[in-house]
PDB file of N, CA and C in Angstrom:
ATOM      1  N   MET A   1     -43.626  58.906 -16.984  1.00  0.00           N
ATOM      2  CA  MET A   1     -43.341  58.140 -18.217  1.00  0.00           C
ATOM      3  C   MET A   1     -43.695  56.704 -18.579  1.00  0.00           C
ATOM      4  N   ALA A   2     -44.460  56.055 -18.967  1.00  0.00           N
ATOM      5  CA  ALA A   2     -45.127  54.787 -19.250  1.00  0.00           C
ATOM      6  C   ALA A   2     -43.926  53.946 -19.522  1.00  0.00           C
ATOM      7  N   GLU A   3     -43.645  52.748 -19.115  1.00  0.00           N
ATOM      8  CA  GLU A   3     -42.545  51.966 -19.929  1.00  0.00           C
ATOM      9  C   GLU A   3     -43.169  51.456 -20.846  1.00  0.00           C
ATOM     10  N   GLN A   4     -42.256  51.447 -22.098  1.00  0.00           N
ATOM     11  CA  GLN A   4     -42.775  50.872 -23.219  1.00  0.00           C
ATOM     12  C   GLN A   4     -42.518  48.973 -23.494  1.00  0.00           C
ATOM     13  N   SER A   5     -43.319  48.320 -23.880  1.00  0.00           N
ATOM     14  CA  SER A   5     -42.795  47.195 -23.905  1.00  0.00           C
ATOM     15  C   SER A   5     -41.556  47.120 -25.227  1.00  0.00           C
ATOM     16  N   LYS A   6     -40.656  46.292 -24.629  1.00  0.00           N
ATOM     17  CA  LYS A   6     -39.511  45.675 -26.202  1.00  0.00           C
ATOM     18  C   LYS A   6     -39.811  44.849 -27.028  1.00  0.00           C
ATOM     19  N   ASP A   7     -40.962  44.008 -26.951  1.00  0.00           N
ATOM     20  CA  ASP A   7     -41.224  43.270 -27.691  1.00  0.00           C
ATOM     21  C   ASP A   7     -42.452  44.351 -28.919  1.00  0.00           C
ATOM     22  N   ILE A   8     -42.232  44.139 -30.280  1.00  0.00           N
ATOM     23  CA  ILE A   8     -43.248  44.559 -30.866  1.00  0.00           C
ATOM     24  C   ILE A   8     -43.784  43.136 -31.971  1.00  0.00           C
ATOM     25  N   PHE A   9     -45.202  43.010 -31.645  1.00  0.00           N
ATOM     26  CA  PHE A   9     -45.974  41.799 -31.808  1.00  0.00           C
ATOM     27  C   PHE A   9     -46.003  41.928 -33.380  1.00  0.00           C
ATOM     28  N   SER A  10     -46.116  40.530 -34.142  1.00  0.00           N
ATOM     29  CA  SER A  10     -47.101  40.887 -35.647  1.00  0.00           C
ATOM     30  C   SER A  10     -47.686  39.888 -35.605  1.00  0.00           C
ATOM     31  N   GLU A  11     -48.673  39.357 -36.748  1.00  0.00           N
ATOM     32  CA  GLU A  11     -49.796  38.777 -37.010  1.00  0.00           C
ATOM     33  C   GLU A  11     -48.692  37.480 -37.157  1.00  0.00           C
ATOM     34  N   HIS A  12     -47.576  37.106 -37.061  1.00  0.00           N
ATOM     35  CA  HIS A  12     -46.305  36.271 -37.333  1.00  0.00           C
ATOM     36  C   HIS A  12     -46.255  35.635 -35.728  1.00  0.00           C
ATOM     37  N   THR A  13     -46.167  36.672 -34.908  1.00  0.00           N
ATOM     38  CA  THR A  13     -45.502  36.531 -33.285  1.00  0.00           C
ATOM     39  C   THR A  13     -46.252  36.599 -32.367  1.00  0.00           C
ATOM     40  N   LYS A  14     -47.661  36.850 -32.764  1.00  0.00           N
ATOM     41  CA  LYS A  14     -48.333  36.962 -31.759  1.00  0.00           C
ATOM     42  C   LYS A  14     -49.020  35.957 -30.823  1.00  0.00           C
ATOM     43  N   GLU A  15     -48.843  34.854 -31.337  1.00  0.00           N
ATOM     44  CA  GLU A  15     -49.561  33.632 -30.397  1.00  0.00           C
ATOM     45  C   GLU A  15     -48.199  33.027 -29.791  1.00  0.00           C
ATOM     46  N   MET A  16     -46.690  33.592 -30.140  1.00  0.00           N
ATOM     47  CA  MET A  16     -45.722  32.942 -29.541  1.00  0.00           C
ATOM     48  C   MET A  16     -45.472  33.279 -28.039  1.00  0.00           C
ATOM     49  N   THR A  17     -45.076  32.450 -27.506  1.00  0.00           N
ATOM     50  CA  THR A  17     -44.723  32.810 -26.428  1.00  0.00           C
ATOM     51  C   THR A  17     -42.952  33.720 -26.338  1.00  0.00           C
ATOM     52  N   SER A  18     -42.909  34.185 -24.703  1.00  0.00           N
ATOM     53  CA  SER A  18     -41.458  34.905 -25.178  1.00  0.00           C
ATOM     54  C   SER A  18     -40.405  34.255 -25.117  1.00  0.00           C
ATOM     55  N   GLU A  19     -40.534  32.933 -24.435  1.00  0.00           N
ATOM     56  CA  GLU A  19     -39.568  31.898 -24.535  1.00  0.00           C
ATOM     57  C   GLU A  19     -38.768  32.010 -26.106  1.00  0.00           C
ATOM     58  N   GLN A  20     -40.271  31.954 -27.254  1.00  0.00           N
ATOM     59  CA  GLN A  20     -40.248  31.470 -28.738  1.00  0.00           C
ATOM     60  C   GLN A  20     -39.414  32.495 -29.281  1.00  0.00           C
ATOM     61  N   ARG A  21     -40.083  33.820 -28.853  1.00  0.00           N
ATOM     62  CA  ARG A  21     -39.632  34.644 -29.768  1.00  0.00           C
ATOM     63  C   ARG A  21     -38.065  35.109 -29.455  1.00  0.00           C
ATOM     64  N   THR A  22     -37.863  34.746 -28.582  1.00  0.00           N
ATOM     65  CA  THR A  22     -36.106  35.422 -28.071  1.00  0.00           C
ATOM     66  C   THR A  22     -35.394  34.109 -28.484  1.00  0.00           C
ATOM     67  N   GLU A  23     -35.990  33.092 -28.715  1.00  0.00           N
ATOM     68  CA  GLU A  23     -35.276  31.753 -29.167  1.00  0.00           C
ATOM     69  C   GLU A  23     -35.377  32.563 -30.880  1.00  0.00           C
ATOM     70  N   LEU A  24     -36.002  32.946 -31.609  1.00  0.00           N
ATOM     71  CA  LEU A  24     -36.410  33.236 -33.155  1.00  0.00           C
ATOM     72  C   LEU A  24     -35.454  34.543 -33.331  1.00  0.00           C
ATOM     73  N   GLN A  25     -35.399  35.299 -32.172  1.00  0.00           N
ATOM     74  CA  GLN A  25     -34.169  36.389 -32.382  1.00  0.00           C
ATOM     75  C   GLN A  25     -32.846  35.937 -32.187  1.00  0.00           C
ATOM     76  N   GLU A  26     -32.844  34.940 -31.767  1.00  0.00           N
ATOM     77  CA  GLU A  26     -31.257  34.663 -31.615  1.00  0.00           C
ATOM     78  C   GLU A  26     -30.835  33.848 -32.893  1.00  0.00           C
ATOM     79  N   LYS A  27     -31.943  33.029 -33.201  1.00  0.00           N
ATOM     80  CA  LYS A  27     -31.727  31.993 -34.843  1.00  0.00           C
ATOM     81  C   LYS A  27     -30.874  33.274 -35.701  1.00  0.00           C
ATOM     82  N   VAL A  28     -32.207  34.429 -35.559  1.00  0.00           N
ATOM     83  CA  VAL A  28     -31.897  35.582 -36.758  1.00  0.00           C
ATOM     84  C   VAL A  28     -30.899  35.957 -36.661  1.00  0.00           C
ATOM     85  N   SER A  29     -30.632  36.136 -35.516  1.00  0.00           N
ATOM     86  CA  SER A  29     -28.699  37.124 -35.200  1.00  0.00           C
ATOM     87  C   SER A  29     -27.926  36.689 -35.201  1.00  0.00           C
ATOM     88  N   ASN A  30     -28.345  34.846 -35.356  1.00  0.00           N
ATOM     89  CA  ASN A  30     -26.747  34.460 -35.703  1.00  0.00           C
ATOM     90  C   ASN A  30     -26.581  33.806 -37.329  1.00  0.00           C
ATOM     91  N   MET A  31     -27.797  34.081 -38.060  1.00  0.00           N
ATOM     92  CA  MET A  31     -27.400  33.585 -39.897  1.00  0.00           C
ATOM     93  C   MET A  31     -26.636  34.420 -40.601  1.00  0.00           C
ATOM     94  N   THR A  32     -26.249  33.865 -41.407  1.00  0.00           N
ATOM     95  CA  THR A  32     -25.193  34.641 -42.311  1.00  0.00           C
ATOM     96  C   THR A  32     -26.157  35.264 -43.190  1.00  0.00           C
ATOM     97  N   GLU A  33     -25.379  36.431 -44.316  1.00  0.00           N
ATOM     98  CA  GLU A  33     -26.047  36.698 -44.968  1.00  0.00           C
ATOM     99  C   GLU A  33     -26.908  35.821 -45.916  1.00  0.00           C
ATOM    100  N   GLU A  34     -26.691  35.110 -46.376  1.00  0.00           N
ATOM    101  CA  GLU A  34     -27.409  34.058 -47.232  1.00  0.00           C
ATOM    102  C   GLU A  34     -28.666  33.691 -46.615  1.00  0.00           C
ATOM    103  N   GLU A  35     -28.381  33.333 -45.339  1.00  0.00           N
ATOM    104  CA  GLU A  35     -29.487  32.620 -44.792  1.00  0.00           C
ATOM    105  C   GLU A  35     -30.306  33.393 -44.351  1.00  0.00           C
ATOM    106  N   LEU A  36     -30.120  35.197 -43.790  1.00  0.00           N
ATOM    107  CA  LEU A  36     -31.199  35.751 -43.351  1.00  0.00           C
ATOM    108  C   LEU A  36     -32.102  36.136 -45.266  1.00  0.00           C
ATOM    109  N   LYS A  37     -30.825  36.170 -45.963  1.00  0.00           N
ATOM    110  CA  LYS A  37     -32.333  36.504 -47.042  1.00  0.00           C
ATOM    111  C   LYS A  37     -32.851  35.253 -47.332  1.00  0.00           C
ATOM    112  N   GLU A  38     -33.209  34.194 -47.303  1.00  0.00           N
ATOM    113  CA  GLU A  38     -33.755  33.094 -47.599  1.00  0.00           C
ATOM    114  C   GLU A  38     -34.802  32.948 -46.501  1.00  0.00           C
ATOM    115  N   PHE A  39     -34.421  33.441 -45.379  1.00  0.00           N
ATOM    116  CA  PHE A  39     -35.359  33.331 -44.228  1.00  0.00           C
ATOM    117  C   PHE A  39     -36.438  34.661 -44.417  1.00  0.00           C
ATOM    118  N   ARG A  40     -35.815  35.677 -44.920  1.00  0.00           N
ATOM    119  CA  ARG A  40     -36.539  37.119 -45.095  1.00  0.00           C
ATOM    120  C   ARG A  40     -37.591  36.471 -46.587  1.00  0.00           C
ATOM    121  N   ASN A  41     -37.076  35.647 -47.749  1.00  0.00           N
ATOM    122  CA  ASN A  41     -37.758  35.489 -48.763  1.00  0.00           C
ATOM    123  C   ASN A  41     -38.775  34.388 -48.173  1.00  0.00           C
ATOM    124  N   SER A  42     -38.721  33.859 -47.265  1.00  0.00           N
ATOM    125  CA  SER A  42     -39.779  32.985 -47.067  1.00  0.00           C
ATOM    126  C   SER A  42     -41.143  33.286 -46.355  1.00  0.00           C
ATOM    127  N   LEU A  43     -41.195  34.628 -45.852  1.00  0.00           N
ATOM    128  CA  LEU A  43     -42.299  34.744 -45.486  1.00  0.00           C
ATOM    129  C   LEU A  43     -43.470  35.826 -46.105  1.00  0.00           C
ATOM    130  N   ASP A  44     -44.348  35.584 -46.311  1.00  0.00           N
ATOM    131  CA  ASP A  44     -45.758  36.303 -46.903  1.00  0.00           C
ATOM    132  C   ASP A  44     -45.246  37.954 -46.015  1.00  0.00           C
ATOM    133  N   PRO A  45     -45.136  38.760 -46.701  1.00  0.00           N
ATOM    134  CA  PRO A  45     -45.353  39.874 -46.271  1.00  0.00           C
ATOM    135  C   PRO A  45     -46.840  40.627 -45.997  1.00  0.00           C
ATOM    136  N   ASP A  46     -47.690  40.280 -46.686  1.00  0.00           N
ATOM    137  CA  ASP A  46     -49.388  40.014 -46.680  1.00  0.00           C
ATOM    138  C   ASP A  46     -49.850  39.733 -45.611  1.00  0.00           C
ATOM    139  N   SER A  47     -49.090  38.484 -45.130  1.00  0.00           N
ATOM    140  CA  SER A  47     -49.873  37.788 -43.851  1.00  0.00           C
ATOM    141  C   SER A  47     -49.310  38.441 -42.442  1.00  0.00           C
ATOM    142  N   MET A  48     -48.396  39.128 -42.750  1.00  0.00           N
ATOM    143  CA  MET A  48     -47.687  39.883 -41.587  1.00  0.00           C
ATOM    144  C   MET A  48     -48.069  41.385 -40.998  1.00  0.00           C
ATOM    145  N   GLY A  49     -47.524  42.002 -40.515  1.00  0.00           N
ATOM    146  CA  GLY A  49     -47.934  43.174 -40.014  1.00  0.00           C
ATOM    147  C   GLY A  49     -48.015  43.367 -38.446  1.00  0.00           C
ATOM    148  N   PHE A  50     -48.286  44.513 -38.056  1.00  0.00           N
ATOM    149  CA  PHE A  50     -48.479  44.491 -36.631  1.00  0.00           C
ATOM    150  C   PHE A  50     -49.811  44.408 -35.820  1.00  0.00           C
ATOM    151  N   PHE A  51     -49.521  43.937 -34.713  1.00  0.00           N
ATOM    152  CA  PHE A  51     -50.774  43.343 -34.033  1.00  0.00           C
ATOM    153  C   PHE A  51     -50.752  44.179 -32.951  1.00  0.00           C
ATOM    154  N   GLY A  52     -51.785  44.807 -32.556  1.00  0.00           N
ATOM    155  CA  GLY A  52     -51.923  45.989 -31.109  1.00  0.00           C
ATOM    156  C   GLY A  52     -51.771  47.235 -31.989  1.00  0.00           C
ATOM    157  N   GLU A  53     -51.230  47.792 -30.964  1.00  0.00           N
ATOM    158  CA  GLU A  53     -51.242  49.094 -30.518  1.00  0.00           C
ATOM    159  C   GLU A  53     -49.278  49.285 -31.223  1.00  0.00           C
ATOM    160  N   GLU A  54     -49.524  50.518 -31.947  1.00  0.00           N
ATOM    161  CA  GLU A  54     -48.158  51.010 -32.281  1.00  0.00           C
ATOM    162  C   GLU A  54     -47.658  51.836 -31.269  1.00  0.00           C
ATOM    163  N   CYS A  55     -46.321  51.204 -31.157  1.00  0.00           N
ATOM    164  CA  CYS A  55     -45.258  52.024 -30.287  1.00  0.00           C
ATOM    165  C   CYS A  55     -44.191  53.166 -30.980  1.00  0.00           C
ATOM    166  N   VAL A  56     -44.127  54.476 -30.138  1.00  0.00           N
ATOM    167  CA  VAL A  56     -43.775  55.543 -31.180  1.00  0.00           C
ATOM    168  C   VAL A  56     -42.547  55.578 -30.170  1.00  0.00           C
TER     169      VAL A  56
END
């Protein structure tokens, strides 16, 4: 069975290094509920979306 990548890239993260994505994941995981709500509202969902092939 082929090994699947842990990362799923989006238009927002496709140019980030592995270290930058890890830093972003850590930052988000440490946010309070209110900070997370603000972060989610600051992103434009229309400019996001998956980059590359979908993982199943």
